[in-house]
Amino acid sequence: TWPGGPQYLPRFIVGRASRQVDAS
């Protein structure tokens, strides 16, 4: 996932989208 980006698919498919850093 893109840190700071959307949880675009369920976690069991792509894992967690972190909110601890904004990659952009």
PDBML (XML) file of the C-alpha atoms, coordinates in Angstrom:
<?xml version="1.0" encoding="UTF-8" ?>
<PDBx:datablock datablockName="MODEL"
   xmlns:PDBx="http://pdbml.pdb.org/schema/pdbx-v50.xsd"
   xmlns:xsi="http://www.w3.org/2001/XMLSchema-instance"
   xsi:schemaLocation="http://pdbml.pdb.org/schema/pdbx-v50.xsd pdbx-v50.xsd">
   <PDBx:atom_siteCategory>
      <PDBx:atom_site id="1">
         <PDBx:B_iso_or_equiv>0.00</PDBx:B_iso_or_equiv>
         <PDBx:Cartn_x>0.000</PDBx:Cartn_x>
         <PDBx:Cartn_y>0.000</PDBx:Cartn_y>
         <PDBx:Cartn_z>0.000</PDBx:Cartn_z>
         <PDBx:auth_asym_id>A</PDBx:auth_asym_id>
         <PDBx:auth_atom_id>CA</PDBx:auth_atom_id>
         <PDBx:auth_comp_id>THR</PDBx:auth_comp_id>
         <PDBx:auth_seq_id>1</PDBx:auth_seq_id>
         <PDBx:group_PDB>ATOM</PDBx:group_PDB>
         <PDBx:label_alt_id xsi:nil="true" />
         <PDBx:label_asym_id>A</PDBx:label_asym_id>
         <PDBx:label_atom_id>CA</PDBx:label_atom_id>
         <PDBx:label_comp_id>THR</PDBx:label_comp_id>
         <PDBx:label_entity_id>1</PDBx:label_entity_id>
         <PDBx:label_seq_id>1</PDBx:label_seq_id>
         <PDBx:occupancy>1.00</PDBx:occupancy>
         <PDBx:pdbx_PDB_model_num>1</PDBx:pdbx_PDB_model_num>
         <PDBx:type_symbol>C</PDBx:type_symbol>
      </PDBx:atom_site>
      <PDBx:atom_site id="2">
         <PDBx:B_iso_or_equiv>0.00</PDBx:B_iso_or_equiv>
         <PDBx:Cartn_x>0.926</PDBx:Cartn_x>
         <PDBx:Cartn_y>3.673</PDBx:Cartn_y>
         <PDBx:Cartn_z>-0.318</PDBx:Cartn_z>
         <PDBx:auth_asym_id>A</PDBx:auth_asym_id>
         <PDBx:auth_atom_id>CA</PDBx:auth_atom_id>
         <PDBx:auth_comp_id>TRP</PDBx:auth_comp_id>
         <PDBx:auth_seq_id>2</PDBx:auth_seq_id>
         <PDBx:group_PDB>ATOM</PDBx:group_PDB>
         <PDBx:label_alt_id xsi:nil="true" />
         <PDBx:label_asym_id>A</PDBx:label_asym_id>
         <PDBx:label_atom_id>CA</PDBx:label_atom_id>
         <PDBx:label_comp_id>TRP</PDBx:label_comp_id>
         <PDBx:label_entity_id>1</PDBx:label_entity_id>
         <PDBx:label_seq_id>2</PDBx:label_seq_id>
         <PDBx:occupancy>1.00</PDBx:occupancy>
         <PDBx:pdbx_PDB_model_num>1</PDBx:pdbx_PDB_model_num>
         <PDBx:type_symbol>C</PDBx:type_symbol>
      </PDBx:atom_site>
      <PDBx:atom_site id="3">
         <PDBx:B_iso_or_equiv>0.00</PDBx:B_iso_or_equiv>
         <PDBx:Cartn_x>1.532</PDBx:Cartn_x>
         <PDBx:Cartn_y>5.046</PDBx:Cartn_y>
         <PDBx:Cartn_z>3.208</PDBx:Cartn_z>
         <PDBx:auth_asym_id>A</PDBx:auth_asym_id>
         <PDBx:auth_atom_id>CA</PDBx:auth_atom_id>
         <PDBx:auth_comp_id>PRO</PDBx:auth_comp_id>
         <PDBx:auth_seq_id>3</PDBx:auth_seq_id>
         <PDBx:group_PDB>ATOM</PDBx:group_PDB>
         <PDBx:label_alt_id xsi:nil="true" />
         <PDBx:label_asym_id>A</PDBx:label_asym_id>
         <PDBx:label_atom_id>CA</PDBx:label_atom_id>
         <PDBx:label_comp_id>PRO</PDBx:label_comp_id>
         <PDBx:label_entity_id>1</PDBx:label_entity_id>
         <PDBx:label_seq_id>3</PDBx:label_seq_id>
         <PDBx:occupancy>1.00</PDBx:occupancy>
         <PDBx:pdbx_PDB_model_num>1</PDBx:pdbx_PDB_model_num>
         <PDBx:type_symbol>C</PDBx:type_symbol>
      </PDBx:atom_site>
      <PDBx:atom_site id="4">
         <PDBx:B_iso_or_equiv>0.00</PDBx:B_iso_or_equiv>
         <PDBx:Cartn_x>-1.029</PDBx:Cartn_x>
         <PDBx:Cartn_y>7.768</PDBx:Cartn_y>
         <PDBx:Cartn_z>3.791</PDBx:Cartn_z>
         <PDBx:auth_asym_id>A</PDBx:auth_asym_id>
         <PDBx:auth_atom_id>CA</PDBx:auth_atom_id>
         <PDBx:auth_comp_id>GLY</PDBx:auth_comp_id>
         <PDBx:auth_seq_id>4</PDBx:auth_seq_id>
         <PDBx:group_PDB>ATOM</PDBx:group_PDB>
         <PDBx:label_alt_id xsi:nil="true" />
         <PDBx:label_asym_id>A</PDBx:label_asym_id>
         <PDBx:label_atom_id>CA</PDBx:label_atom_id>
         <PDBx:label_comp_id>GLY</PDBx:label_comp_id>
         <PDBx:label_entity_id>1</PDBx:label_entity_id>
         <PDBx:label_seq_id>4</PDBx:label_seq_id>
         <PDBx:occupancy>1.00</PDBx:occupancy>
         <PDBx:pdbx_PDB_model_num>1</PDBx:pdbx_PDB_model_num>
         <PDBx:type_symbol>C</PDBx:type_symbol>
      </PDBx:atom_site>
      <PDBx:atom_site id="5">
         <PDBx:B_iso_or_equiv>0.00</PDBx:B_iso_or_equiv>
         <PDBx:Cartn_x>-3.065</PDBx:Cartn_x>
         <PDBx:Cartn_y>6.462</PDBx:Cartn_y>
         <PDBx:Cartn_z>0.856</PDBx:Cartn_z>
         <PDBx:auth_asym_id>A</PDBx:auth_asym_id>
         <PDBx:auth_atom_id>CA</PDBx:auth_atom_id>
         <PDBx:auth_comp_id>GLY</PDBx:auth_comp_id>
         <PDBx:auth_seq_id>5</PDBx:auth_seq_id>
         <PDBx:group_PDB>ATOM</PDBx:group_PDB>
         <PDBx:label_alt_id xsi:nil="true" />
         <PDBx:label_asym_id>A</PDBx:label_asym_id>
         <PDBx:label_atom_id>CA</PDBx:label_atom_id>
         <PDBx:label_comp_id>GLY</PDBx:label_comp_id>
         <PDBx:label_entity_id>1</PDBx:label_entity_id>
         <PDBx:label_seq_id>5</PDBx:label_seq_id>
         <PDBx:occupancy>1.00</PDBx:occupancy>
         <PDBx:pdbx_PDB_model_num>1</PDBx:pdbx_PDB_model_num>
         <PDBx:type_symbol>C</PDBx:type_symbol>
      </PDBx:atom_site>
      <PDBx:atom_site id="6">
         <PDBx:B_iso_or_equiv>0.00</PDBx:B_iso_or_equiv>
         <PDBx:Cartn_x>-6.315</PDBx:Cartn_x>
         <PDBx:Cartn_y>4.479</PDBx:Cartn_y>
         <PDBx:Cartn_z>0.732</PDBx:Cartn_z>
         <PDBx:auth_asym_id>A</PDBx:auth_asym_id>
         <PDBx:auth_atom_id>CA</PDBx:auth_atom_id>
         <PDBx:auth_comp_id>PRO</PDBx:auth_comp_id>
         <PDBx:auth_seq_id>6</PDBx:auth_seq_id>
         <PDBx:group_PDB>ATOM</PDBx:group_PDB>
         <PDBx:label_alt_id xsi:nil="true" />
         <PDBx:label_asym_id>A</PDBx:label_asym_id>
         <PDBx:label_atom_id>CA</PDBx:label_atom_id>
         <PDBx:label_comp_id>PRO</PDBx:label_comp_id>
         <PDBx:label_entity_id>1</PDBx:label_entity_id>
         <PDBx:label_seq_id>6</PDBx:label_seq_id>
         <PDBx:occupancy>1.00</PDBx:occupancy>
         <PDBx:pdbx_PDB_model_num>1</PDBx:pdbx_PDB_model_num>
         <PDBx:type_symbol>C</PDBx:type_symbol>
      </PDBx:atom_site>
      <PDBx:atom_site id="7">
         <PDBx:B_iso_or_equiv>0.00</PDBx:B_iso_or_equiv>
         <PDBx:Cartn_x>-7.041</PDBx:Cartn_x>
         <PDBx:Cartn_y>0.986</PDBx:Cartn_y>
         <PDBx:Cartn_z>1.992</PDBx:Cartn_z>
         <PDBx:auth_asym_id>A</PDBx:auth_asym_id>
         <PDBx:auth_atom_id>CA</PDBx:auth_atom_id>
         <PDBx:auth_comp_id>GLN</PDBx:auth_comp_id>
         <PDBx:auth_seq_id>7</PDBx:auth_seq_id>
         <PDBx:group_PDB>ATOM</PDBx:group_PDB>
         <PDBx:label_alt_id xsi:nil="true" />
         <PDBx:label_asym_id>A</PDBx:label_asym_id>
         <PDBx:label_atom_id>CA</PDBx:label_atom_id>
         <PDBx:label_comp_id>GLN</PDBx:label_comp_id>
         <PDBx:label_entity_id>1</PDBx:label_entity_id>
         <PDBx:label_seq_id>7</PDBx:label_seq_id>
         <PDBx:occupancy>1.00</PDBx:occupancy>
         <PDBx:pdbx_PDB_model_num>1</PDBx:pdbx_PDB_model_num>
         <PDBx:type_symbol>C</PDBx:type_symbol>
      </PDBx:atom_site>
      <PDBx:atom_site id="8">
         <PDBx:B_iso_or_equiv>0.00</PDBx:B_iso_or_equiv>
         <PDBx:Cartn_x>-7.930</PDBx:Cartn_x>
         <PDBx:Cartn_y>0.191</PDBx:Cartn_y>
         <PDBx:Cartn_z>-1.604</PDBx:Cartn_z>
         <PDBx:auth_asym_id>A</PDBx:auth_asym_id>
         <PDBx:auth_atom_id>CA</PDBx:auth_atom_id>
         <PDBx:auth_comp_id>TYR</PDBx:auth_comp_id>
         <PDBx:auth_seq_id>8</PDBx:auth_seq_id>
         <PDBx:group_PDB>ATOM</PDBx:group_PDB>
         <PDBx:label_alt_id xsi:nil="true" />
         <PDBx:label_asym_id>A</PDBx:label_asym_id>
         <PDBx:label_atom_id>CA</PDBx:label_atom_id>
         <PDBx:label_comp_id>TYR</PDBx:label_comp_id>
         <PDBx:label_entity_id>1</PDBx:label_entity_id>
         <PDBx:label_seq_id>8</PDBx:label_seq_id>
         <PDBx:occupancy>1.00</PDBx:occupancy>
         <PDBx:pdbx_PDB_model_num>1</PDBx:pdbx_PDB_model_num>
         <PDBx:type_symbol>C</PDBx:type_symbol>
      </PDBx:atom_site>
      <PDBx:atom_site id="9">
         <PDBx:B_iso_or_equiv>0.00</PDBx:B_iso_or_equiv>
         <PDBx:Cartn_x>-8.577</PDBx:Cartn_x>
         <PDBx:Cartn_y>-3.533</PDBx:Cartn_y>
         <PDBx:Cartn_z>-1.074</PDBx:Cartn_z>
         <PDBx:auth_asym_id>A</PDBx:auth_asym_id>
         <PDBx:auth_atom_id>CA</PDBx:auth_atom_id>
         <PDBx:auth_comp_id>LEU</PDBx:auth_comp_id>
         <PDBx:auth_seq_id>9</PDBx:auth_seq_id>
         <PDBx:group_PDB>ATOM</PDBx:group_PDB>
         <PDBx:label_alt_id xsi:nil="true" />
         <PDBx:label_asym_id>A</PDBx:label_asym_id>
         <PDBx:label_atom_id>CA</PDBx:label_atom_id>
         <PDBx:label_comp_id>LEU</PDBx:label_comp_id>
         <PDBx:label_entity_id>1</PDBx:label_entity_id>
         <PDBx:label_seq_id>9</PDBx:label_seq_id>
         <PDBx:occupancy>1.00</PDBx:occupancy>
         <PDBx:pdbx_PDB_model_num>1</PDBx:pdbx_PDB_model_num>
         <PDBx:type_symbol>C</PDBx:type_symbol>
      </PDBx:atom_site>
      <PDBx:atom_site id="10">
         <PDBx:B_iso_or_equiv>0.00</PDBx:B_iso_or_equiv>
         <PDBx:Cartn_x>-9.223</PDBx:Cartn_x>
         <PDBx:Cartn_y>-5.678</PDBx:Cartn_y>
         <PDBx:Cartn_z>2.005</PDBx:Cartn_z>
         <PDBx:auth_asym_id>A</PDBx:auth_asym_id>
         <PDBx:auth_atom_id>CA</PDBx:auth_atom_id>
         <PDBx:auth_comp_id>PRO</PDBx:auth_comp_id>
         <PDBx:auth_seq_id>10</PDBx:auth_seq_id>
         <PDBx:group_PDB>ATOM</PDBx:group_PDB>
         <PDBx:label_alt_id xsi:nil="true" />
         <PDBx:label_asym_id>A</PDBx:label_asym_id>
         <PDBx:label_atom_id>CA</PDBx:label_atom_id>
         <PDBx:label_comp_id>PRO</PDBx:label_comp_id>
         <PDBx:label_entity_id>1</PDBx:label_entity_id>
         <PDBx:label_seq_id>10</PDBx:label_seq_id>
         <PDBx:occupancy>1.00</PDBx:occupancy>
         <PDBx:pdbx_PDB_model_num>1</PDBx:pdbx_PDB_model_num>
         <PDBx:type_symbol>C</PDBx:type_symbol>
      </PDBx:atom_site>
      <PDBx:atom_site id="11">
         <PDBx:B_iso_or_equiv>0.00</PDBx:B_iso_or_equiv>
         <PDBx:Cartn_x>-6.273</PDBx:Cartn_x>
         <PDBx:Cartn_y>-6.254</PDBx:Cartn_y>
         <PDBx:Cartn_z>4.320</PDBx:Cartn_z>
         <PDBx:auth_asym_id>A</PDBx:auth_asym_id>
         <PDBx:auth_atom_id>CA</PDBx:auth_atom_id>
         <PDBx:auth_comp_id>ARG</PDBx:auth_comp_id>
         <PDBx:auth_seq_id>11</PDBx:auth_seq_id>
         <PDBx:group_PDB>ATOM</PDBx:group_PDB>
         <PDBx:label_alt_id xsi:nil="true" />
         <PDBx:label_asym_id>A</PDBx:label_asym_id>
         <PDBx:label_atom_id>CA</PDBx:label_atom_id>
         <PDBx:label_comp_id>ARG</PDBx:label_comp_id>
         <PDBx:label_entity_id>1</PDBx:label_entity_id>
         <PDBx:label_seq_id>11</PDBx:label_seq_id>
         <PDBx:occupancy>1.00</PDBx:occupancy>
         <PDBx:pdbx_PDB_model_num>1</PDBx:pdbx_PDB_model_num>
         <PDBx:type_symbol>C</PDBx:type_symbol>
      </PDBx:atom_site>
      <PDBx:atom_site id="12">
         <PDBx:B_iso_or_equiv>0.00</PDBx:B_iso_or_equiv>
         <PDBx:Cartn_x>-6.186</PDBx:Cartn_x>
         <PDBx:Cartn_y>-9.985</PDBx:Cartn_y>
         <PDBx:Cartn_z>3.694</PDBx:Cartn_z>
         <PDBx:auth_asym_id>A</PDBx:auth_asym_id>
         <PDBx:auth_atom_id>CA</PDBx:auth_atom_id>
         <PDBx:auth_comp_id>PHE</PDBx:auth_comp_id>
         <PDBx:auth_seq_id>12</PDBx:auth_seq_id>
         <PDBx:group_PDB>ATOM</PDBx:group_PDB>
         <PDBx:label_alt_id xsi:nil="true" />
         <PDBx:label_asym_id>A</PDBx:label_asym_id>
         <PDBx:label_atom_id>CA</PDBx:label_atom_id>
         <PDBx:label_comp_id>PHE</PDBx:label_comp_id>
         <PDBx:label_entity_id>1</PDBx:label_entity_id>
         <PDBx:label_seq_id>12</PDBx:label_seq_id>
         <PDBx:occupancy>1.00</PDBx:occupancy>
         <PDBx:pdbx_PDB_model_num>1</PDBx:pdbx_PDB_model_num>
         <PDBx:type_symbol>C</PDBx:type_symbol>
      </PDBx:atom_site>
      <PDBx:atom_site id="13">
         <PDBx:B_iso_or_equiv>0.00</PDBx:B_iso_or_equiv>
         <PDBx:Cartn_x>-5.308</PDBx:Cartn_x>
         <PDBx:Cartn_y>-9.221</PDBx:Cartn_y>
         <PDBx:Cartn_z>0.058</PDBx:Cartn_z>
         <PDBx:auth_asym_id>A</PDBx:auth_asym_id>
         <PDBx:auth_atom_id>CA</PDBx:auth_atom_id>
         <PDBx:auth_comp_id>ILE</PDBx:auth_comp_id>
         <PDBx:auth_seq_id>13</PDBx:auth_seq_id>
         <PDBx:group_PDB>ATOM</PDBx:group_PDB>
         <PDBx:label_alt_id xsi:nil="true" />
         <PDBx:label_asym_id>A</PDBx:label_asym_id>
         <PDBx:label_atom_id>CA</PDBx:label_atom_id>
         <PDBx:label_comp_id>ILE</PDBx:label_comp_id>
         <PDBx:label_entity_id>1</PDBx:label_entity_id>
         <PDBx:label_seq_id>13</PDBx:label_seq_id>
         <PDBx:occupancy>1.00</PDBx:occupancy>
         <PDBx:pdbx_PDB_model_num>1</PDBx:pdbx_PDB_model_num>
         <PDBx:type_symbol>C</PDBx:type_symbol>
      </PDBx:atom_site>
      <PDBx:atom_site id="14">
         <PDBx:B_iso_or_equiv>0.00</PDBx:B_iso_or_equiv>
         <PDBx:Cartn_x>-2.908</PDBx:Cartn_x>
         <PDBx:Cartn_y>-6.252</PDBx:Cartn_y>
         <PDBx:Cartn_z>0.244</PDBx:Cartn_z>
         <PDBx:auth_asym_id>A</PDBx:auth_asym_id>
         <PDBx:auth_atom_id>CA</PDBx:auth_atom_id>
         <PDBx:auth_comp_id>VAL</PDBx:auth_comp_id>
         <PDBx:auth_seq_id>14</PDBx:auth_seq_id>
         <PDBx:group_PDB>ATOM</PDBx:group_PDB>
         <PDBx:label_alt_id xsi:nil="true" />
         <PDBx:label_asym_id>A</PDBx:label_asym_id>
         <PDBx:label_atom_id>CA</PDBx:label_atom_id>
         <PDBx:label_comp_id>VAL</PDBx:label_comp_id>
         <PDBx:label_entity_id>1</PDBx:label_entity_id>
         <PDBx:label_seq_id>14</PDBx:label_seq_id>
         <PDBx:occupancy>1.00</PDBx:occupancy>
         <PDBx:pdbx_PDB_model_num>1</PDBx:pdbx_PDB_model_num>
         <PDBx:type_symbol>C</PDBx:type_symbol>
      </PDBx:atom_site>
      <PDBx:atom_site id="15">
         <PDBx:B_iso_or_equiv>0.00</PDBx:B_iso_or_equiv>
         <PDBx:Cartn_x>-2.193</PDBx:Cartn_x>
         <PDBx:Cartn_y>-5.777</PDBx:Cartn_y>
         <PDBx:Cartn_z>3.951</PDBx:Cartn_z>
         <PDBx:auth_asym_id>A</PDBx:auth_asym_id>
         <PDBx:auth_atom_id>CA</PDBx:auth_atom_id>
         <PDBx:auth_comp_id>GLY</PDBx:auth_comp_id>
         <PDBx:auth_seq_id>15</PDBx:auth_seq_id>
         <PDBx:group_PDB>ATOM</PDBx:group_PDB>
         <PDBx:label_alt_id xsi:nil="true" />
         <PDBx:label_asym_id>A</PDBx:label_asym_id>
         <PDBx:label_atom_id>CA</PDBx:label_atom_id>
         <PDBx:label_comp_id>GLY</PDBx:label_comp_id>
         <PDBx:label_entity_id>1</PDBx:label_entity_id>
         <PDBx:label_seq_id>15</PDBx:label_seq_id>
         <PDBx:occupancy>1.00</PDBx:occupancy>
         <PDBx:pdbx_PDB_model_num>1</PDBx:pdbx_PDB_model_num>
         <PDBx:type_symbol>C</PDBx:type_symbol>
      </PDBx:atom_site>
      <PDBx:atom_site id="16">
         <PDBx:B_iso_or_equiv>0.00</PDBx:B_iso_or_equiv>
         <PDBx:Cartn_x>-2.618</PDBx:Cartn_x>
         <PDBx:Cartn_y>-2.561</PDBx:Cartn_y>
         <PDBx:Cartn_z>5.909</PDBx:Cartn_z>
         <PDBx:auth_asym_id>A</PDBx:auth_asym_id>
         <PDBx:auth_atom_id>CA</PDBx:auth_atom_id>
         <PDBx:auth_comp_id>ARG</PDBx:auth_comp_id>
         <PDBx:auth_seq_id>16</PDBx:auth_seq_id>
         <PDBx:group_PDB>ATOM</PDBx:group_PDB>
         <PDBx:label_alt_id xsi:nil="true" />
         <PDBx:label_asym_id>A</PDBx:label_asym_id>
         <PDBx:label_atom_id>CA</PDBx:label_atom_id>
         <PDBx:label_comp_id>ARG</PDBx:label_comp_id>
         <PDBx:label_entity_id>1</PDBx:label_entity_id>
         <PDBx:label_seq_id>16</PDBx:label_seq_id>
         <PDBx:occupancy>1.00</PDBx:occupancy>
         <PDBx:pdbx_PDB_model_num>1</PDBx:pdbx_PDB_model_num>
         <PDBx:type_symbol>C</PDBx:type_symbol>
      </PDBx:atom_site>
      <PDBx:atom_site id="17">
         <PDBx:B_iso_or_equiv>0.00</PDBx:B_iso_or_equiv>
         <PDBx:Cartn_x>-2.390</PDBx:Cartn_x>
         <PDBx:Cartn_y>0.979</PDBx:Cartn_y>
         <PDBx:Cartn_z>4.585</PDBx:Cartn_z>
         <PDBx:auth_asym_id>A</PDBx:auth_asym_id>
         <PDBx:auth_atom_id>CA</PDBx:auth_atom_id>
         <PDBx:auth_comp_id>ALA</PDBx:auth_comp_id>
         <PDBx:auth_seq_id>17</PDBx:auth_seq_id>
         <PDBx:group_PDB>ATOM</PDBx:group_PDB>
         <PDBx:label_alt_id xsi:nil="true" />
         <PDBx:label_asym_id>A</PDBx:label_asym_id>
         <PDBx:label_atom_id>CA</PDBx:label_atom_id>
         <PDBx:label_comp_id>ALA</PDBx:label_comp_id>
         <PDBx:label_entity_id>1</PDBx:label_entity_id>
         <PDBx:label_seq_id>17</PDBx:label_seq_id>
         <PDBx:occupancy>1.00</PDBx:occupancy>
         <PDBx:pdbx_PDB_model_num>1</PDBx:pdbx_PDB_model_num>
         <PDBx:type_symbol>C</PDBx:type_symbol>
      </PDBx:atom_site>
      <PDBx:atom_site id="18">
         <PDBx:B_iso_or_equiv>0.00</PDBx:B_iso_or_equiv>
         <PDBx:Cartn_x>-0.362</PDBx:Cartn_x>
         <PDBx:Cartn_y>2.848</PDBx:Cartn_y>
         <PDBx:Cartn_z>7.192</PDBx:Cartn_z>
         <PDBx:auth_asym_id>A</PDBx:auth_asym_id>
         <PDBx:auth_atom_id>CA</PDBx:auth_atom_id>
         <PDBx:auth_comp_id>SER</PDBx:auth_comp_id>
         <PDBx:auth_seq_id>18</PDBx:auth_seq_id>
         <PDBx:group_PDB>ATOM</PDBx:group_PDB>
         <PDBx:label_alt_id xsi:nil="true" />
         <PDBx:label_asym_id>A</PDBx:label_asym_id>
         <PDBx:label_atom_id>CA</PDBx:label_atom_id>
         <PDBx:label_comp_id>SER</PDBx:label_comp_id>
         <PDBx:label_entity_id>1</PDBx:label_entity_id>
         <PDBx:label_seq_id>18</PDBx:label_seq_id>
         <PDBx:occupancy>1.00</PDBx:occupancy>
         <PDBx:pdbx_PDB_model_num>1</PDBx:pdbx_PDB_model_num>
         <PDBx:type_symbol>C</PDBx:type_symbol>
      </PDBx:atom_site>
      <PDBx:atom_site id="19">
         <PDBx:B_iso_or_equiv>0.00</PDBx:B_iso_or_equiv>
         <PDBx:Cartn_x>-1.408</PDBx:Cartn_x>
         <PDBx:Cartn_y>6.253</PDBx:Cartn_y>
         <PDBx:Cartn_z>8.512</PDBx:Cartn_z>
         <PDBx:auth_asym_id>A</PDBx:auth_asym_id>
         <PDBx:auth_atom_id>CA</PDBx:auth_atom_id>
         <PDBx:auth_comp_id>ARG</PDBx:auth_comp_id>
         <PDBx:auth_seq_id>19</PDBx:auth_seq_id>
         <PDBx:group_PDB>ATOM</PDBx:group_PDB>
         <PDBx:label_alt_id xsi:nil="true" />
         <PDBx:label_asym_id>A</PDBx:label_asym_id>
         <PDBx:label_atom_id>CA</PDBx:label_atom_id>
         <PDBx:label_comp_id>ARG</PDBx:label_comp_id>
         <PDBx:label_entity_id>1</PDBx:label_entity_id>
         <PDBx:label_seq_id>19</PDBx:label_seq_id>
         <PDBx:occupancy>1.00</PDBx:occupancy>
         <PDBx:pdbx_PDB_model_num>1</PDBx:pdbx_PDB_model_num>
         <PDBx:type_symbol>C</PDBx:type_symbol>
      </PDBx:atom_site>
      <PDBx:atom_site id="20">
         <PDBx:B_iso_or_equiv>0.00</PDBx:B_iso_or_equiv>
         <PDBx:Cartn_x>1.864</PDBx:Cartn_x>
         <PDBx:Cartn_y>6.828</PDBx:Cartn_y>
         <PDBx:Cartn_z>10.355</PDBx:Cartn_z>
         <PDBx:auth_asym_id>A</PDBx:auth_asym_id>
         <PDBx:auth_atom_id>CA</PDBx:auth_atom_id>
         <PDBx:auth_comp_id>GLN</PDBx:auth_comp_id>
         <PDBx:auth_seq_id>20</PDBx:auth_seq_id>
         <PDBx:group_PDB>ATOM</PDBx:group_PDB>
         <PDBx:label_alt_id xsi:nil="true" />
         <PDBx:label_asym_id>A</PDBx:label_asym_id>
         <PDBx:label_atom_id>CA</PDBx:label_atom_id>
         <PDBx:label_comp_id>GLN</PDBx:label_comp_id>
         <PDBx:label_entity_id>1</PDBx:label_entity_id>
         <PDBx:label_seq_id>20</PDBx:label_seq_id>
         <PDBx:occupancy>1.00</PDBx:occupancy>
         <PDBx:pdbx_PDB_model_num>1</PDBx:pdbx_PDB_model_num>
         <PDBx:type_symbol>C</PDBx:type_symbol>
      </PDBx:atom_site>
      <PDBx:atom_site id="21">
         <PDBx:B_iso_or_equiv>0.00</PDBx:B_iso_or_equiv>
         <PDBx:Cartn_x>3.633</PDBx:Cartn_x>
         <PDBx:Cartn_y>8.561</PDBx:Cartn_y>
         <PDBx:Cartn_z>7.461</PDBx:Cartn_z>
         <PDBx:auth_asym_id>A</PDBx:auth_asym_id>
         <PDBx:auth_atom_id>CA</PDBx:auth_atom_id>
         <PDBx:auth_comp_id>VAL</PDBx:auth_comp_id>
         <PDBx:auth_seq_id>21</PDBx:auth_seq_id>
         <PDBx:group_PDB>ATOM</PDBx:group_PDB>
         <PDBx:label_alt_id xsi:nil="true" />
         <PDBx:label_asym_id>A</PDBx:label_asym_id>
         <PDBx:label_atom_id>CA</PDBx:label_atom_id>
         <PDBx:label_comp_id>VAL</PDBx:label_comp_id>
         <PDBx:label_entity_id>1</PDBx:label_entity_id>
         <PDBx:label_seq_id>21</PDBx:label_seq_id>
         <PDBx:occupancy>1.00</PDBx:occupancy>
         <PDBx:pdbx_PDB_model_num>1</PDBx:pdbx_PDB_model_num>
         <PDBx:type_symbol>C</PDBx:type_symbol>
      </PDBx:atom_site>
      <PDBx:atom_site id="22">
         <PDBx:B_iso_or_equiv>0.00</PDBx:B_iso_or_equiv>
         <PDBx:Cartn_x>2.428</PDBx:Cartn_x>
         <PDBx:Cartn_y>10.317</PDBx:Cartn_y>
         <PDBx:Cartn_z>4.338</PDBx:Cartn_z>
         <PDBx:auth_asym_id>A</PDBx:auth_asym_id>
         <PDBx:auth_atom_id>CA</PDBx:auth_atom_id>
         <PDBx:auth_comp_id>ASP</PDBx:auth_comp_id>
         <PDBx:auth_seq_id>22</PDBx:auth_seq_id>
         <PDBx:group_PDB>ATOM</PDBx:group_PDB>
         <PDBx:label_alt_id xsi:nil="true" />
         <PDBx:label_asym_id>A</PDBx:label_asym_id>
         <PDBx:label_atom_id>CA</PDBx:label_atom_id>
         <PDBx:label_comp_id>ASP</PDBx:label_comp_id>
         <PDBx:label_entity_id>1</PDBx:label_entity_id>
         <PDBx:label_seq_id>22</PDBx:label_seq_id>
         <PDBx:occupancy>1.00</PDBx:occupancy>
         <PDBx:pdbx_PDB_model_num>1</PDBx:pdbx_PDB_model_num>
         <PDBx:type_symbol>C</PDBx:type_symbol>
      </PDBx:atom_site>
      <PDBx:atom_site id="23">
         <PDBx:B_iso_or_equiv>0.00</PDBx:B_iso_or_equiv>
         <PDBx:Cartn_x>4.581</PDBx:Cartn_x>
         <PDBx:Cartn_y>8.948</PDBx:Cartn_y>
         <PDBx:Cartn_z>1.521</PDBx:Cartn_z>
         <PDBx:auth_asym_id>A</PDBx:auth_asym_id>
         <PDBx:auth_atom_id>CA</PDBx:auth_atom_id>
         <PDBx:auth_comp_id>ALA</PDBx:auth_comp_id>
         <PDBx:auth_seq_id>23</PDBx:auth_seq_id>
         <PDBx:group_PDB>ATOM</PDBx:group_PDB>
         <PDBx:label_alt_id xsi:nil="true" />
         <PDBx:label_asym_id>A</PDBx:label_asym_id>
         <PDBx:label_atom_id>CA</PDBx:label_atom_id>
         <PDBx:label_comp_id>ALA</PDBx:label_comp_id>
         <PDBx:label_entity_id>1</PDBx:label_entity_id>
         <PDBx:label_seq_id>23</PDBx:label_seq_id>
         <PDBx:occupancy>1.00</PDBx:occupancy>
         <PDBx:pdbx_PDB_model_num>1</PDBx:pdbx_PDB_model_num>
         <PDBx:type_symbol>C</PDBx:type_symbol>
      </PDBx:atom_site>
      <PDBx:atom_site id="24">
         <PDBx:B_iso_or_equiv>0.00</PDBx:B_iso_or_equiv>
         <PDBx:Cartn_x>3.665</PDBx:Cartn_x>
         <PDBx:Cartn_y>11.706</PDBx:Cartn_y>
         <PDBx:Cartn_z>-0.932</PDBx:Cartn_z>
         <PDBx:auth_asym_id>A</PDBx:auth_asym_id>
         <PDBx:auth_atom_id>CA</PDBx:auth_atom_id>
         <PDBx:auth_comp_id>SER</PDBx:auth_comp_id>
         <PDBx:auth_seq_id>24</PDBx:auth_seq_id>
         <PDBx:group_PDB>ATOM</PDBx:group_PDB>
         <PDBx:label_alt_id xsi:nil="true" />
         <PDBx:label_asym_id>A</PDBx:label_asym_id>
         <PDBx:label_atom_id>CA</PDBx:label_atom_id>
         <PDBx:label_comp_id>SER</PDBx:label_comp_id>
         <PDBx:label_entity_id>1</PDBx:label_entity_id>
         <PDBx:label_seq_id>24</PDBx:label_seq_id>
         <PDBx:occupancy>1.00</PDBx:occupancy>
         <PDBx:pdbx_PDB_model_num>1</PDBx:pdbx_PDB_model_num>
         <PDBx:type_symbol>C</PDBx:type_symbol>
      </PDBx:atom_site>
   </PDBx:atom_siteCategory>
</PDBx:datablock>
